[in-house]
């Protein structure tokens, strides 16, 4: 599995600015996995707070 921490952090930093984010790339490059990782991280943050 390839770590995409840079992309993940860029999306998380811009999450609450009121704009829609569109993740586009070639097929089978990990777009769904990236979104899953965002939701997983947000759930962990919500439980800690």
N, C-alpha and C. Protein backbone atom coordinates (compact mmCIF):
# COMPACT_ATOMS: atom_id res chain seq x y z
N UNK A 1 0.84 -1.17 0.00
CA UNK A 1 0.00 0.00 0.00
C UNK A 1 0.89 1.24 0.00
N UNK A 2 0.53 2.22 -0.78
CA UNK A 2 1.30 3.46 -0.88
C UNK A 2 0.69 4.47 0.09
N UNK A 3 1.54 5.06 0.94
CA UNK A 3 1.06 6.09 1.87
C UNK A 3 0.85 7.39 1.11
N UNK A 4 -0.29 7.99 1.32
CA UNK A 4 -0.62 9.26 0.65
C UNK A 4 -0.88 10.33 1.70
N UNK A 5 0.04 10.47 2.61
CA UNK A 5 -0.15 11.40 3.72
C UNK A 5 -0.22 12.86 3.25
N UNK A 6 0.54 13.20 2.21
CA UNK A 6 0.52 14.59 1.72
C UNK A 6 -0.85 14.94 1.16
N UNK A 7 -1.39 14.06 0.31
CA UNK A 7 -2.72 14.31 -0.26
C UNK A 7 -3.79 14.33 0.83
N UNK A 8 -3.68 13.41 1.75
CA UNK A 8 -4.65 13.32 2.84
C UNK A 8 -4.64 14.60 3.66
N UNK A 9 -3.47 15.10 4.00
CA UNK A 9 -3.37 16.31 4.81
C UNK A 9 -3.88 17.53 4.06
N UNK A 10 -3.62 17.61 2.76
CA UNK A 10 -4.12 18.74 1.97
C UNK A 10 -5.65 18.77 1.96
N UNK A 11 -6.27 17.61 1.82
CA UNK A 11 -7.74 17.55 1.80
C UNK A 11 -8.29 17.89 3.19
N UNK A 12 -7.70 17.35 4.24
CA UNK A 12 -8.18 17.62 5.60
C UNK A 12 -8.04 19.09 5.94
N UNK A 13 -6.95 19.73 5.53
CA UNK A 13 -6.74 21.15 5.82
C UNK A 13 -7.78 22.03 5.15
N UNK A 14 -8.31 21.58 4.02
CA UNK A 14 -9.27 22.40 3.26
C UNK A 14 -10.71 21.91 3.41
N UNK A 15 -10.98 21.07 4.39
CA UNK A 15 -12.31 20.46 4.49
C UNK A 15 -13.42 21.44 4.80
N UNK A 16 -13.23 22.34 5.70
CA UNK A 16 -14.33 23.19 6.18
C UNK A 16 -14.30 24.59 5.60
N UNK A 17 -13.90 24.72 4.33
CA UNK A 17 -13.89 26.04 3.72
C UNK A 17 -15.13 26.31 2.87
N UNK A 18 -16.08 25.40 2.88
CA UNK A 18 -17.34 25.60 2.18
C UNK A 18 -17.32 25.25 0.70
N UNK A 19 -16.20 24.77 0.20
CA UNK A 19 -16.11 24.42 -1.22
C UNK A 19 -16.19 22.91 -1.39
N UNK A 20 -16.67 22.49 -2.55
CA UNK A 20 -16.76 21.08 -2.88
C UNK A 20 -15.41 20.60 -3.37
N UNK A 21 -14.98 19.45 -2.88
CA UNK A 21 -13.72 18.87 -3.32
C UNK A 21 -14.00 17.75 -4.31
N UNK A 22 -13.26 17.73 -5.40
CA UNK A 22 -13.40 16.69 -6.41
C UNK A 22 -12.04 16.00 -6.53
N UNK A 23 -12.02 14.70 -6.28
CA UNK A 23 -10.79 13.93 -6.37
C UNK A 23 -10.83 13.17 -7.68
N UNK A 24 -9.94 13.53 -8.61
CA UNK A 24 -9.89 12.87 -9.91
C UNK A 24 -8.48 12.35 -10.16
N UNK A 25 -8.41 11.26 -10.86
CA UNK A 25 -7.14 10.64 -11.22
C UNK A 25 -7.44 9.46 -12.12
N UNK A 26 -6.43 8.77 -12.54
CA UNK A 26 -6.62 7.61 -13.39
C UNK A 26 -7.31 6.50 -12.59
N UNK A 27 -7.74 5.47 -13.30
CA UNK A 27 -8.42 4.35 -12.64
C UNK A 27 -7.48 3.60 -11.72
N UNK A 28 -8.04 3.09 -10.62
CA UNK A 28 -7.34 2.20 -9.68
C UNK A 28 -6.07 2.82 -9.10
N UNK A 29 -6.15 4.11 -8.75
CA UNK A 29 -4.98 4.78 -8.18
C UNK A 29 -5.14 5.03 -6.69
N UNK A 30 -6.31 4.71 -6.11
CA UNK A 30 -6.48 4.84 -4.67
C UNK A 30 -7.38 5.98 -4.24
N UNK A 31 -8.25 6.46 -5.11
CA UNK A 31 -9.16 7.55 -4.74
C UNK A 31 -10.12 7.12 -3.64
N UNK A 32 -10.73 5.96 -3.78
CA UNK A 32 -11.67 5.48 -2.77
C UNK A 32 -10.95 5.20 -1.46
N UNK A 33 -9.77 4.66 -1.52
CA UNK A 33 -8.99 4.39 -0.31
C UNK A 33 -8.64 5.70 0.40
N UNK A 34 -8.31 6.73 -0.36
CA UNK A 34 -8.00 8.04 0.22
C UNK A 34 -9.22 8.59 0.96
N UNK A 35 -10.40 8.50 0.36
CA UNK A 35 -11.61 8.98 1.01
C UNK A 35 -11.95 8.15 2.25
N UNK A 36 -11.76 6.83 2.16
CA UNK A 36 -11.96 5.97 3.32
C UNK A 36 -11.03 6.38 4.45
N UNK A 37 -9.79 6.67 4.11
CA UNK A 37 -8.80 7.08 5.11
C UNK A 37 -9.20 8.40 5.77
N UNK A 38 -9.76 9.32 5.00
CA UNK A 38 -10.22 10.60 5.56
C UNK A 38 -11.34 10.35 6.57
N UNK A 39 -12.33 9.56 6.21
CA UNK A 39 -13.44 9.29 7.12
C UNK A 39 -12.97 8.53 8.36
N UNK A 40 -12.04 7.61 8.19
CA UNK A 40 -11.50 6.87 9.33
C UNK A 40 -10.78 7.81 10.29
N UNK A 41 -9.97 8.70 9.75
CA UNK A 41 -9.24 9.66 10.59
C UNK A 41 -10.19 10.62 11.29
N UNK A 42 -11.23 11.06 10.61
CA UNK A 42 -12.19 11.98 11.23
C UNK A 42 -12.93 11.31 12.37
N UNK A 43 -13.29 10.04 12.21
CA UNK A 43 -13.98 9.33 13.29
C UNK A 43 -13.09 9.20 14.51
N UNK A 44 -11.81 8.94 14.30
CA UNK A 44 -10.88 8.86 15.43
C UNK A 44 -10.73 10.20 16.11
N UNK A 45 -10.68 11.28 15.34
CA UNK A 45 -10.55 12.61 15.93
C UNK A 45 -11.79 12.97 16.73
N UNK A 46 -12.97 12.63 16.22
CA UNK A 46 -14.20 12.95 16.94
C UNK A 46 -14.30 12.21 18.26
N UNK A 47 -13.82 10.97 18.31
CA UNK A 47 -13.87 10.22 19.55
C UNK A 47 -12.88 10.75 20.57
N UNK A 48 -11.76 11.27 20.12
CA UNK A 48 -10.75 11.81 21.04
C UNK A 48 -11.21 13.12 21.65
N UNK A 49 -11.85 13.95 20.84
CA UNK A 49 -12.32 15.25 21.33
C UNK A 49 -13.50 14.99 22.21
